[in-house]
Structure formats: C-alpha cells, structure tokens
C-alpha cells in the first residue's frame, strides 16, 4: 500500500495577552470539505475544552497559559496529534498541564477511540495493561499506587508503527514524573489489531 499524501496543517492561535496564548492545528486543502470541517471543529472543541478545564471557575487567577500541539502521525490516511495546555494560577505551587490526543481517518473523518483499534472481544484492555505493567517494572517507574488496568477509553496516540498509551499527570505517577508514556510496537499486538483500523494500516507494507 503506497503512502498517501499527508494532510496539510496550518497553525492557528488564540491569545489573551503575551503570557496567555494557545496554538492549535487546522487541516487545510482537503478534497472533502465536510471531513475537513469536522476534523477542524473537533480540534477546536478539544482545544477549548482544555482551556475551560484549566480556567475552571477562577479565570481571574490565571497568570500564564500556553497551549501547543504536536503532529504524531500524518501518513496512510491516519492523522494523530496531541494538544497540550499548561496553565499557572497566581499563588499556585506550580502550573498544571493537561494533554489530549486525537486520531482521525482522513478519508472518512472518523475519530478513533481506543476500542476501535482492536478486534471485537480481543481483550485489548488486559493485553495492553500487561504490557504496561512490564514496562513499569523494567523502567522502574515510581507509582502513586499499584497499577491494575487501563480504562476502555484510555488516552493514546499513534506514531508510525507505534501505539503510545499515556496517562495524565497524577493519574499513576507523581507530578515530577510528567506524563507517563508507554510505547507499544504494532507488531507486539498484531494478532489483536483490526486490519481495517489505523494500526492495521501502519502494519501494511509500502
């Protein structure tokens, strides 16, 4: 399967001053405007959701905000990206950062959830959790409490032939550890991934 032409990205921003700026991506020049509009509106909604989560009910105390994004995969009709928002409230001990990931099929506009990546009844939750437990042990990751299972809709993104499962700050590790990231090769889970899903596209030969 030949690599399809990657979707083009343009950076937009919203700003409330030099210390409060949020950058976010928008896809452009797609053949299907409806799909392009859906993807862009979803990105805008998630970007705003991060802002709302940070501002909460105390917008007057926001001293600094920086929103950024990273394109993790832009090939084989799969667009996967992360949106990150760091905000510091006045007199807080430290700032707080949240990260959200979005993965789309750019041919259909479908936004993938974690369950969409795997065959039905594949027991993907236990399978991925076991791999993560092994990585926690091998990497000697300090946990707040014992890790058991990921959630059915656990945060993830796709980066080429790798599925990256991640957790928010404080979810399983102390703040100083940052975002715990667990890269999993598609070949390690090839038997349970959907062949017609985004991970299946990553496995296919060029």
N, C-alpha and C. Protein backbone atom coordinates (compact mmCIF):
# COMPACT_ATOMS: atom_id res chain seq x y z
N UNK A 1 0.86 -1.20 0.00
CA UNK A 1 0.00 0.00 0.00
C UNK A 1 0.89 1.24 0.00
N UNK A 2 0.78 2.09 -0.99
CA UNK A 2 1.63 3.28 -1.03
C UNK A 2 1.20 4.30 0.01
N UNK A 3 2.17 5.01 0.54
CA UNK A 3 1.86 6.06 1.49
C UNK A 3 1.03 7.13 0.80
N UNK A 4 -0.09 7.50 1.42
CA UNK A 4 -0.91 8.55 0.84
C UNK A 4 -0.33 9.90 1.22
N UNK A 5 -0.64 10.90 0.41
CA UNK A 5 -0.09 12.23 0.64
C UNK A 5 -0.57 12.76 1.98
N UNK A 6 0.32 13.23 2.82
CA UNK A 6 -0.11 13.69 4.15
C UNK A 6 -0.99 14.93 4.05
N UNK A 7 -1.91 15.04 5.00
CA UNK A 7 -2.79 16.20 5.05
C UNK A 7 -1.96 17.41 5.45
N UNK A 8 -2.30 18.56 4.91
CA UNK A 8 -1.56 19.78 5.22
C UNK A 8 -2.13 20.46 6.47
N UNK A 9 -1.23 21.00 7.27
CA UNK A 9 -1.59 21.58 8.56
C UNK A 9 -1.22 23.06 8.61
N UNK A 10 -2.10 23.85 9.16
CA UNK A 10 -1.81 25.26 9.39
C UNK A 10 -2.01 25.57 10.87
N UNK A 11 -1.12 26.35 11.44
CA UNK A 11 -1.20 26.70 12.86
C UNK A 11 -2.08 27.93 13.06
N UNK A 12 -3.04 27.82 13.97
CA UNK A 12 -3.86 28.95 14.38
C UNK A 12 -3.55 29.25 15.85
N UNK A 13 -4.04 30.37 16.32
CA UNK A 13 -3.80 30.71 17.72
C UNK A 13 -4.92 31.57 18.28
N UNK A 14 -5.09 31.46 19.58
CA UNK A 14 -5.95 32.38 20.32
C UNK A 14 -5.08 32.97 21.42
N UNK A 15 -5.29 34.24 21.70
CA UNK A 15 -4.42 34.92 22.65
C UNK A 15 -5.19 35.90 23.51
N UNK A 16 -4.81 35.95 24.79
CA UNK A 16 -5.37 36.95 25.70
C UNK A 16 -4.23 37.75 26.32
N UNK A 17 -3.17 37.91 25.54
CA UNK A 17 -2.00 38.63 26.03
C UNK A 17 -0.74 37.83 25.81
N UNK A 18 0.43 38.44 26.04
CA UNK A 18 1.71 37.76 25.76
C UNK A 18 1.94 36.50 26.57
N UNK A 19 1.32 36.41 27.75
CA UNK A 19 1.52 35.24 28.62
C UNK A 19 0.35 34.26 28.56
N UNK A 20 -0.58 34.52 27.65
CA UNK A 20 -1.75 33.65 27.53
C UNK A 20 -2.02 33.42 26.04
N UNK A 21 -1.42 32.37 25.51
CA UNK A 21 -1.55 32.10 24.09
C UNK A 21 -1.69 30.59 23.87
N UNK A 22 -2.57 30.22 22.98
CA UNK A 22 -2.83 28.82 22.69
C UNK A 22 -2.70 28.60 21.18
N UNK A 23 -1.80 27.73 20.81
CA UNK A 23 -1.62 27.35 19.41
C UNK A 23 -2.35 26.03 19.15
N UNK A 24 -3.03 25.93 18.02
CA UNK A 24 -3.72 24.69 17.68
C UNK A 24 -3.68 24.49 16.17
N UNK A 25 -3.77 23.25 15.70
CA UNK A 25 -3.68 22.97 14.27
C UNK A 25 -5.03 22.97 13.58
N UNK A 26 -5.01 23.26 12.31
CA UNK A 26 -6.18 23.10 11.44
C UNK A 26 -5.72 22.47 10.13
N UNK A 27 -6.49 21.50 9.64
CA UNK A 27 -6.14 20.87 8.37
C UNK A 27 -6.68 21.73 7.24
N UNK A 28 -5.95 21.77 6.13
CA UNK A 28 -6.33 22.63 5.01
C UNK A 28 -6.22 21.86 3.69
N UNK A 29 -6.89 22.40 2.69
CA UNK A 29 -6.78 21.93 1.31
C UNK A 29 -7.16 20.47 1.12
N UNK A 30 -8.07 19.96 1.97
CA UNK A 30 -8.55 18.60 1.77
C UNK A 30 -9.58 18.58 0.65
N UNK A 31 -9.69 17.46 -0.04
CA UNK A 31 -10.65 17.34 -1.13
C UNK A 31 -12.09 17.37 -0.63
N UNK A 32 -12.30 16.82 0.54
CA UNK A 32 -13.65 16.76 1.10
C UNK A 32 -13.78 17.82 2.19
N UNK A 33 -14.52 18.87 1.89
CA UNK A 33 -14.64 19.98 2.83
C UNK A 33 -15.39 19.57 4.09
N UNK A 34 -16.39 18.70 3.97
CA UNK A 34 -17.17 18.30 5.13
C UNK A 34 -16.28 17.57 6.14
N UNK A 35 -15.41 16.68 5.63
CA UNK A 35 -14.50 15.96 6.52
C UNK A 35 -13.49 16.94 7.13
N UNK A 36 -12.97 17.83 6.30
CA UNK A 36 -12.03 18.83 6.80
C UNK A 36 -12.66 19.66 7.90
N UNK A 37 -13.90 20.08 7.69
CA UNK A 37 -14.59 20.91 8.68
C UNK A 37 -14.84 20.15 9.97
N UNK A 38 -15.20 18.86 9.84
CA UNK A 38 -15.45 18.06 11.04
C UNK A 38 -14.17 17.90 11.86
N UNK A 39 -13.07 17.57 11.20
CA UNK A 39 -11.80 17.41 11.90
C UNK A 39 -11.40 18.72 12.58
N UNK A 40 -11.52 19.83 11.87
CA UNK A 40 -11.13 21.11 12.43
C UNK A 40 -12.01 21.53 13.60
N UNK A 41 -13.32 21.30 13.47
CA UNK A 41 -14.22 21.66 14.56
C UNK A 41 -13.96 20.79 15.79
N UNK A 42 -13.61 19.53 15.57
CA UNK A 42 -13.28 18.64 16.69
C UNK A 42 -12.03 19.13 17.40
N UNK A 43 -11.02 19.55 16.63
CA UNK A 43 -9.80 20.08 17.22
C UNK A 43 -10.09 21.35 18.03
N UNK A 44 -10.89 22.24 17.45
CA UNK A 44 -11.26 23.48 18.15
C UNK A 44 -12.00 23.17 19.45
N UNK A 45 -12.93 22.22 19.39
CA UNK A 45 -13.70 21.85 20.58
C UNK A 45 -12.79 21.31 21.68
N UNK A 46 -11.83 20.45 21.31
CA UNK A 46 -10.92 19.89 22.30
C UNK A 46 -9.97 20.95 22.85
N UNK A 47 -9.53 21.86 21.98
CA UNK A 47 -8.67 22.96 22.42
C UNK A 47 -9.40 23.83 23.44
N UNK A 48 -10.65 24.15 23.14
CA UNK A 48 -11.46 24.95 24.06
C UNK A 48 -11.73 24.18 25.34
N UNK A 49 -11.92 22.87 25.21
CA UNK A 49 -12.15 22.05 26.40
C UNK A 49 -10.98 22.08 27.36
N UNK A 50 -9.78 22.08 26.82
CA UNK A 50 -8.58 22.19 27.66
C UNK A 50 -8.52 23.55 28.35
N UNK A 51 -8.84 24.60 27.60
CA UNK A 51 -8.86 25.94 28.19
C UNK A 51 -9.87 26.00 29.33
N UNK A 52 -11.07 25.48 29.08
CA UNK A 52 -12.12 25.50 30.10
C UNK A 52 -11.71 24.70 31.33
N UNK A 53 -11.05 23.56 31.09
CA UNK A 53 -10.60 22.73 32.20
C UNK A 53 -9.59 23.46 33.07
N UNK A 54 -8.74 24.24 32.43
CA UNK A 54 -7.72 24.99 33.16
C UNK A 54 -8.29 26.21 33.88
N UNK A 55 -9.17 26.90 33.20
CA UNK A 55 -9.72 28.13 33.78
C UNK A 55 -10.70 27.82 34.90
N UNK A 56 -11.51 26.77 34.69
CA UNK A 56 -12.49 26.32 35.67
C UNK A 56 -13.36 27.51 36.07
N UNK A 57 -13.51 27.72 37.36
CA UNK A 57 -14.36 28.82 37.84
C UNK A 57 -13.54 30.00 38.37
N UNK A 58 -12.22 29.96 38.09
CA UNK A 58 -11.36 31.04 38.61
C UNK A 58 -10.51 31.64 37.49
N UNK A 59 -11.15 32.20 36.46
CA UNK A 59 -10.36 32.77 35.35
C UNK A 59 -9.51 33.95 35.77
N UNK A 60 -9.90 34.64 36.83
CA UNK A 60 -9.16 35.85 37.23
C UNK A 60 -7.79 35.53 37.79
N UNK A 61 -7.56 34.29 38.20
CA UNK A 61 -6.26 33.94 38.79
C UNK A 61 -5.28 33.37 37.78
N UNK A 62 -5.69 33.23 36.53
CA UNK A 62 -4.78 32.69 35.52
C UNK A 62 -3.68 33.70 35.22
N UNK A 63 -2.45 33.33 35.55
CA UNK A 63 -1.32 34.23 35.32
C UNK A 63 -0.59 33.91 34.03
N UNK A 64 -0.65 32.63 33.63
CA UNK A 64 0.07 32.21 32.42
C UNK A 64 -0.65 31.01 31.80
N UNK A 65 -0.72 31.00 30.48
CA UNK A 65 -1.29 29.86 29.76
C UNK A 65 -0.55 29.70 28.45
N UNK A 66 -0.15 28.45 28.17
CA UNK A 66 0.48 28.15 26.89
C UNK A 66 -0.08 26.83 26.36
N UNK A 67 -0.70 26.92 25.21
CA UNK A 67 -1.22 25.73 24.55
C UNK A 67 -0.39 25.43 23.31
N UNK A 68 -0.02 24.17 23.15
CA UNK A 68 0.78 23.74 21.99
C UNK A 68 0.20 22.45 21.43
N UNK A 69 0.74 22.05 20.30
CA UNK A 69 0.30 20.77 19.71
C UNK A 69 1.48 20.09 19.04
N UNK A 70 1.34 18.78 18.82
CA UNK A 70 2.33 18.00 18.10
C UNK A 70 1.61 17.05 17.15
N UNK A 71 2.07 16.99 15.92
CA UNK A 71 1.55 16.02 14.97
C UNK A 71 2.36 14.74 15.15
N UNK A 72 1.71 13.68 15.55
CA UNK A 72 2.39 12.42 15.83
C UNK A 72 2.41 11.48 14.63
N UNK A 73 1.37 11.52 13.83
CA UNK A 73 1.31 10.68 12.63
C UNK A 73 0.51 11.41 11.56
N UNK A 74 1.06 11.43 10.36
CA UNK A 74 0.40 12.09 9.24
C UNK A 74 0.75 11.32 7.97
N UNK A 75 0.27 10.09 7.90
CA UNK A 75 0.56 9.20 6.78
C UNK A 75 -0.50 8.11 6.72
N UNK A 76 -0.60 7.46 5.58
CA UNK A 76 -1.50 6.32 5.39
C UNK A 76 -2.94 6.63 5.81
N UNK A 77 -3.36 7.85 5.54
CA UNK A 77 -4.72 8.31 5.84
C UNK A 77 -5.03 8.35 7.33
N UNK A 78 -4.00 8.36 8.17
CA UNK A 78 -4.21 8.44 9.61
C UNK A 78 -3.52 9.70 10.14
N UNK A 79 -4.31 10.58 10.75
CA UNK A 79 -3.79 11.78 11.39
C UNK A 79 -3.93 11.62 12.89
N UNK A 80 -2.81 11.65 13.61
CA UNK A 80 -2.84 11.54 15.06
C UNK A 80 -2.05 12.70 15.64
N UNK A 81 -2.62 13.38 16.61
CA UNK A 81 -2.00 14.57 17.17
C UNK A 81 -2.31 14.70 18.65
N UNK A 82 -1.50 15.50 19.33
CA UNK A 82 -1.76 15.81 20.73
C UNK A 82 -1.91 17.31 20.92
N UNK A 83 -2.79 17.68 21.84
CA UNK A 83 -2.99 19.07 22.25
C UNK A 83 -2.59 19.16 23.72
N UNK A 84 -1.73 20.11 24.04
CA UNK A 84 -1.25 20.25 25.41
C UNK A 84 -1.50 21.66 25.90
N UNK A 85 -1.97 21.78 27.14
CA UNK A 85 -2.22 23.10 27.72
C UNK A 85 -1.59 23.18 29.11
N UNK A 86 -0.66 24.12 29.24
CA UNK A 86 -0.04 24.42 30.53
C UNK A 86 -0.61 25.74 31.05
N UNK A 87 -1.06 25.73 32.29
CA UNK A 87 -1.60 26.95 32.89
C UNK A 87 -1.09 27.10 34.32
N UNK A 88 -0.71 28.32 34.65
CA UNK A 88 -0.29 28.64 36.02
C UNK A 88 -1.26 29.65 36.62
N UNK A 89 -1.80 29.30 37.77
CA UNK A 89 -2.68 30.21 38.50
C UNK A 89 -1.88 30.97 39.56
N UNK A 90 -2.20 32.22 39.73
CA UNK A 90 -1.50 33.08 40.69
C UNK A 90 -1.46 32.44 42.08
N UNK A 91 -0.27 32.42 42.66
CA UNK A 91 -0.02 31.88 44.00
C UNK A 91 -0.09 30.36 44.09
N UNK A 92 -0.23 29.68 42.96
CA UNK A 92 -0.22 28.21 42.98
C UNK A 92 1.20 27.70 43.19
N UNK A 93 1.32 26.49 43.73
CA UNK A 93 2.65 25.91 43.96
C UNK A 93 3.37 25.68 42.64
N UNK A 94 2.63 25.28 41.64
CA UNK A 94 3.20 25.09 40.30
C UNK A 94 2.07 25.08 39.29
N UNK A 95 2.43 25.14 38.03
CA UNK A 95 1.42 25.09 36.99
C UNK A 95 0.90 23.68 36.80
N UNK A 96 -0.16 23.56 35.99
CA UNK A 96 -0.74 22.25 35.70
C UNK A 96 -0.84 22.10 34.18
N UNK A 97 -0.58 20.90 33.71
CA UNK A 97 -0.63 20.61 32.28
C UNK A 97 -1.57 19.45 32.00
N UNK A 98 -2.36 19.60 30.97
CA UNK A 98 -3.23 18.52 30.50
C UNK A 98 -2.92 18.24 29.04
N UNK A 99 -3.08 17.00 28.65
CA UNK A 99 -2.81 16.61 27.26
C UNK A 99 -3.97 15.77 26.74
N UNK A 100 -4.42 16.12 25.55
CA UNK A 100 -5.45 15.32 24.88
C UNK A 100 -4.93 14.90 23.51
N UNK A 101 -5.34 13.73 23.09
CA UNK A 101 -4.90 13.22 21.80
C UNK A 101 -6.11 12.97 20.90
N UNK A 102 -5.92 13.20 19.62
CA UNK A 102 -6.96 12.96 18.62
C UNK A 102 -6.38 12.14 17.49
N UNK A 103 -7.11 11.13 17.05
CA UNK A 103 -6.68 10.31 15.92
C UNK A 103 -7.84 10.17 14.95
N UNK A 104 -7.59 10.54 13.68
CA UNK A 104 -8.64 10.56 12.67
C UNK A 104 -8.28 9.68 11.47
N UNK A 105 -9.30 9.17 10.82
CA UNK A 105 -9.18 8.64 9.46
C UNK A 105 -9.50 9.81 8.53
N UNK A 106 -8.53 10.26 7.76
CA UNK A 106 -8.76 11.46 6.98
C UNK A 106 -9.58 11.20 5.72
N UNK A 107 -9.85 9.93 5.41
CA UNK A 107 -10.71 9.60 4.27
C UNK A 107 -12.18 9.66 4.67
N UNK A 108 -12.47 9.27 5.90
CA UNK A 108 -13.87 9.22 6.35
C UNK A 108 -14.18 10.28 7.41
N UNK A 109 -13.13 10.83 8.06
CA UNK A 109 -13.33 11.77 9.14
C UNK A 109 -13.56 11.11 10.49
N UNK A 110 -13.59 9.80 10.52
CA UNK A 110 -13.86 9.10 11.77
C UNK A 110 -12.80 9.42 12.81
N UNK A 111 -13.25 9.72 14.00
CA UNK A 111 -12.35 9.90 15.13
C UNK A 111 -12.28 8.58 15.89
N UNK A 112 -11.09 8.06 16.05
CA UNK A 112 -10.93 6.75 16.66
C UNK A 112 -10.86 6.84 18.19
N UNK A 113 -11.56 5.91 18.82
CA UNK A 113 -11.36 5.64 20.23
C UNK A 113 -10.47 4.41 20.33
N UNK A 114 -9.95 4.15 21.52
CA UNK A 114 -9.01 3.05 21.68
C UNK A 114 -9.62 1.72 21.24
N UNK A 115 -10.88 1.50 21.59
CA UNK A 115 -11.53 0.23 21.25
C UNK A 115 -11.64 0.01 19.75
N UNK A 116 -11.64 1.10 18.98
CA UNK A 116 -11.76 0.98 17.52
C UNK A 116 -10.52 0.39 16.88
N UNK A 117 -9.43 0.35 17.61
CA UNK A 117 -8.15 -0.12 17.06
C UNK A 117 -8.04 -1.65 17.08
N UNK A 118 -8.95 -2.30 17.83
CA UNK A 118 -8.77 -3.73 18.07
C UNK A 118 -9.99 -4.54 17.65
N UNK A 119 -9.75 -5.81 17.41
CA UNK A 119 -10.82 -6.72 17.04
C UNK A 119 -11.82 -6.83 18.18
N UNK A 120 -13.10 -7.06 17.85
CA UNK A 120 -14.09 -7.27 18.90
C UNK A 120 -13.70 -8.46 19.77
N UNK A 121 -13.96 -8.36 21.05
CA UNK A 121 -13.67 -9.44 22.01
C UNK A 121 -12.19 -9.81 22.04
N UNK A 122 -11.33 -8.83 21.77
CA UNK A 122 -9.89 -9.11 21.72
C UNK A 122 -9.22 -9.02 23.09
N UNK A 123 -9.99 -8.58 24.10
CA UNK A 123 -9.42 -8.44 25.44
C UNK A 123 -8.25 -7.44 25.45
N UNK A 124 -8.41 -6.38 24.66
CA UNK A 124 -7.31 -5.43 24.50
C UNK A 124 -6.95 -4.72 25.79
N UNK A 125 -7.92 -4.52 26.68
CA UNK A 125 -7.63 -3.82 27.94
C UNK A 125 -6.61 -4.60 28.76
N UNK A 126 -6.86 -5.90 28.93
CA UNK A 126 -5.93 -6.73 29.71
C UNK A 126 -4.60 -6.89 28.99
N UNK A 127 -4.65 -7.03 27.68
CA UNK A 127 -3.41 -7.24 26.91
C UNK A 127 -2.50 -6.01 27.02
N UNK A 128 -3.04 -4.83 26.79
CA UNK A 128 -2.25 -3.61 26.88
C UNK A 128 -1.79 -3.35 28.31
N UNK A 129 -2.66 -3.63 29.27
CA UNK A 129 -2.32 -3.41 30.67
C UNK A 129 -1.13 -4.28 31.09
N UNK A 130 -1.11 -5.52 30.61
CA UNK A 130 0.01 -6.42 30.93
C UNK A 130 1.32 -5.86 30.38
N UNK A 131 1.28 -5.36 29.15
CA UNK A 131 2.48 -4.78 28.55
C UNK A 131 2.94 -3.56 29.34
N UNK A 132 1.99 -2.74 29.76
CA UNK A 132 2.32 -1.54 30.54
C UNK A 132 2.93 -1.93 31.89
N UNK A 133 2.36 -2.94 32.53
CA UNK A 133 2.93 -3.41 33.81
C UNK A 133 4.38 -3.85 33.63
N UNK A 134 4.64 -4.54 32.52
CA UNK A 134 6.02 -4.99 32.25
C UNK A 134 6.95 -3.80 32.05
N UNK A 135 6.46 -2.78 31.36
CA UNK A 135 7.28 -1.58 31.15
C UNK A 135 7.51 -0.82 32.46
N UNK A 136 6.49 -0.76 33.29
CA UNK A 136 6.64 -0.08 34.59
C UNK A 136 7.75 -0.73 35.39
N UNK A 137 7.76 -2.05 35.39
CA UNK A 137 8.77 -2.79 36.14
C UNK A 137 10.16 -2.62 35.52
N UNK A 138 10.22 -2.77 34.19
CA UNK A 138 11.51 -2.69 33.50
C UNK A 138 12.12 -1.30 33.60
N UNK A 139 11.27 -0.27 33.58
CA UNK A 139 11.76 1.11 33.61
C UNK A 139 11.82 1.68 35.03
N UNK A 140 11.41 0.86 36.00
CA UNK A 140 11.45 1.26 37.41
C UNK A 140 10.69 2.57 37.63
N UNK A 141 9.49 2.60 37.12
CA UNK A 141 8.66 3.81 37.23
C UNK A 141 8.00 3.87 38.60
N UNK A 142 8.15 4.99 39.26
CA UNK A 142 7.55 5.17 40.59
C UNK A 142 6.06 5.46 40.44
N UNK A 143 5.24 4.70 41.12
CA UNK A 143 3.80 4.84 41.04
C UNK A 143 3.23 5.44 42.32
N UNK A 144 2.09 6.12 42.19
CA UNK A 144 1.37 6.62 43.36
C UNK A 144 0.71 5.44 44.08
N UNK A 145 0.15 4.52 43.29
CA UNK A 145 -0.44 3.29 43.83
C UNK A 145 -0.31 2.21 42.76
N UNK A 146 -0.57 0.98 43.14
CA UNK A 146 -0.40 -0.12 42.20
C UNK A 146 -1.25 0.08 40.95
N UNK A 147 -0.65 -0.18 39.79
CA UNK A 147 -1.38 -0.08 38.53
C UNK A 147 -2.06 -1.41 38.25
N UNK A 148 -3.33 -1.34 37.84
CA UNK A 148 -4.07 -2.56 37.53
C UNK A 148 -4.43 -2.63 36.06
N UNK A 149 -5.36 -1.77 35.62
CA UNK A 149 -5.83 -1.80 34.24
C UNK A 149 -5.96 -0.41 33.68
N UNK A 150 -5.77 -0.30 32.35
CA UNK A 150 -6.11 0.94 31.67
C UNK A 150 -7.64 1.04 31.57
N UNK A 151 -8.13 2.22 31.28
CA UNK A 151 -9.56 2.37 31.06
C UNK A 151 -9.90 2.00 29.61
N UNK A 152 -11.14 1.63 29.33
CA UNK A 152 -11.52 1.26 27.96
C UNK A 152 -11.25 2.37 26.94
N UNK A 153 -11.34 3.62 27.40
CA UNK A 153 -11.10 4.76 26.50
C UNK A 153 -9.83 5.51 26.90
N UNK A 154 -8.81 4.77 27.28
CA UNK A 154 -7.54 5.35 27.73
C UNK A 154 -6.94 6.28 26.67
N UNK A 155 -6.27 7.32 27.12
CA UNK A 155 -5.61 8.25 26.20
C UNK A 155 -4.54 7.53 25.39
N UNK A 156 -4.46 7.86 24.10
CA UNK A 156 -3.46 7.24 23.24
C UNK A 156 -3.22 8.12 22.03
N UNK A 157 -2.09 7.86 21.37
CA UNK A 157 -1.89 8.39 20.02
C UNK A 157 -1.07 7.38 19.23
N UNK A 158 -1.02 7.58 17.94
CA UNK A 158 -0.28 6.69 17.05
C UNK A 158 0.91 7.45 16.48
N UNK A 159 2.07 6.84 16.50
CA UNK A 159 3.28 7.43 15.93
C UNK A 159 3.95 6.37 15.05
N UNK A 160 3.69 6.45 13.77
CA UNK A 160 4.21 5.47 12.81
C UNK A 160 3.76 4.07 13.22
N UNK A 161 4.68 3.17 13.49
CA UNK A 161 4.32 1.79 13.81
C UNK A 161 4.27 1.56 15.32
N UNK A 162 3.90 2.59 16.04
CA UNK A 162 3.85 2.51 17.50
C UNK A 162 2.54 3.08 18.03
N UNK A 163 1.92 2.33 18.93
CA UNK A 163 0.79 2.83 19.70
C UNK A 163 1.34 3.34 21.02
N UNK A 164 1.04 4.58 21.36
CA UNK A 164 1.52 5.14 22.62
C UNK A 164 0.33 5.35 23.55
N UNK A 165 0.33 4.59 24.65
CA UNK A 165 -0.66 4.77 25.70
C UNK A 165 -0.06 5.74 26.72
N UNK A 166 -0.84 6.73 27.15
CA UNK A 166 -0.31 7.67 28.13
C UNK A 166 -1.34 7.99 29.20
N UNK A 167 -0.86 8.55 30.29
CA UNK A 167 -1.69 8.92 31.42
C UNK A 167 -1.49 10.39 31.74
N UNK A 168 -2.51 10.99 32.34
CA UNK A 168 -2.41 12.38 32.74
C UNK A 168 -1.51 12.50 33.98
N UNK A 169 -1.05 13.72 34.27
CA UNK A 169 -0.30 13.97 35.48
C UNK A 169 -1.12 13.53 36.69
N UNK A 170 -0.46 12.92 37.64
CA UNK A 170 -1.08 12.44 38.87
C UNK A 170 -1.93 11.17 38.71
N UNK A 171 -2.19 10.73 37.49
CA UNK A 171 -3.04 9.54 37.32
C UNK A 171 -2.42 8.32 37.98
N UNK A 172 -1.15 8.06 37.65
CA UNK A 172 -0.50 6.88 38.22
C UNK A 172 0.88 7.19 38.79
N UNK A 173 1.41 8.37 38.48
CA UNK A 173 2.75 8.73 38.94
C UNK A 173 2.75 10.10 39.60
N UNK A 174 3.77 10.41 40.42
CA UNK A 174 3.89 11.75 40.99
C UNK A 174 4.07 12.81 39.90
N UNK A 175 3.75 14.05 40.26
CA UNK A 175 3.79 15.16 39.31
C UNK A 175 5.15 15.30 38.63
N UNK A 176 6.21 15.11 39.39
CA UNK A 176 7.56 15.33 38.85
C UNK A 176 7.91 14.38 37.71
N UNK A 177 7.19 13.27 37.61
CA UNK A 177 7.49 12.30 36.56
C UNK A 177 6.98 12.76 35.19
N UNK A 178 6.04 13.70 35.20
CA UNK A 178 5.47 14.15 33.93
C UNK A 178 4.41 13.18 33.43
N UNK A 179 4.21 13.17 32.11
CA UNK A 179 3.21 12.28 31.53
C UNK A 179 3.82 10.89 31.30
N UNK A 180 3.31 9.87 31.97
CA UNK A 180 3.83 8.52 31.73
C UNK A 180 3.41 8.03 30.34
N UNK A 181 4.40 7.74 29.51
CA UNK A 181 4.17 7.29 28.14
C UNK A 181 4.62 5.84 27.99
N UNK A 182 3.79 5.03 27.34
CA UNK A 182 4.11 3.63 27.15
C UNK A 182 4.00 3.26 25.67
N UNK A 183 5.13 3.29 24.94
CA UNK A 183 5.12 2.94 23.52
C UNK A 183 5.01 1.43 23.33
N UNK A 184 4.12 1.04 22.44
CA UNK A 184 3.89 -0.39 22.16
C UNK A 184 3.96 -0.60 20.65
N UNK A 185 4.89 -1.43 20.21
CA UNK A 185 5.03 -1.72 18.78
C UNK A 185 3.78 -2.42 18.27
N UNK A 186 3.35 -2.03 17.06
CA UNK A 186 2.18 -2.69 16.48
C UNK A 186 2.43 -4.18 16.28
N UNK A 187 3.68 -4.56 16.11
CA UNK A 187 3.99 -5.97 15.89
C UNK A 187 3.82 -6.79 17.17
N UNK A 188 3.89 -6.14 18.32
CA UNK A 188 3.71 -6.85 19.58
C UNK A 188 2.24 -7.20 19.82
N UNK A 189 1.35 -6.46 19.17
CA UNK A 189 -0.09 -6.67 19.37
C UNK A 189 -0.80 -6.94 18.04
N UNK A 190 -0.02 -7.36 17.05
CA UNK A 190 -0.56 -7.51 15.70
C UNK A 190 -1.74 -8.48 15.63
N UNK A 191 -1.74 -9.48 16.49
CA UNK A 191 -2.79 -10.51 16.44
C UNK A 191 -4.15 -9.99 16.89
N UNK A 192 -4.20 -8.86 17.60
CA UNK A 192 -5.50 -8.37 18.07
C UNK A 192 -5.93 -7.07 17.41
N UNK A 193 -5.09 -6.45 16.59
CA UNK A 193 -5.48 -5.18 15.97
C UNK A 193 -6.41 -5.42 14.78
N UNK A 194 -7.27 -4.47 14.56
CA UNK A 194 -8.17 -4.55 13.40
C UNK A 194 -7.38 -4.26 12.13
N UNK A 195 -7.48 -5.13 11.17
CA UNK A 195 -6.73 -4.94 9.93
C UNK A 195 -7.20 -3.71 9.17
N UNK A 196 -8.49 -3.36 9.32
CA UNK A 196 -9.02 -2.19 8.62
C UNK A 196 -8.97 -0.93 9.49
N UNK A 197 -8.32 -1.04 10.65
CA UNK A 197 -8.19 0.11 11.53
C UNK A 197 -6.87 0.83 11.31
N UNK A 198 -6.62 1.90 12.05
CA UNK A 198 -5.40 2.70 11.84
C UNK A 198 -4.12 1.94 12.11
N UNK A 199 -4.10 1.06 13.11
CA UNK A 199 -2.90 0.29 13.38
C UNK A 199 -2.66 -0.73 12.29
N UNK A 200 -3.75 -1.28 11.72
CA UNK A 200 -3.61 -2.21 10.61
C UNK A 200 -2.96 -1.54 9.41
N UNK A 201 -3.27 -0.27 9.19
CA UNK A 201 -2.67 0.48 8.08
C UNK A 201 -1.18 0.68 8.32
N UNK A 202 -0.78 0.81 9.57
CA UNK A 202 0.63 1.00 9.88
C UNK A 202 1.44 -0.27 9.65
N UNK A 203 0.79 -1.43 9.82
CA UNK A 203 1.48 -2.72 9.66
C UNK A 203 1.72 -3.05 8.20
N UNK A 204 0.79 -2.62 7.33
CA UNK A 204 0.87 -2.97 5.92
C UNK A 204 2.21 -2.52 5.31
N UNK A 205 2.69 -3.32 4.39
CA UNK A 205 3.93 -2.97 3.67
C UNK A 205 3.65 -1.82 2.73
N UNK A 206 4.69 -1.08 2.41
CA UNK A 206 4.55 0.04 1.47
C UNK A 206 4.19 -0.47 0.08
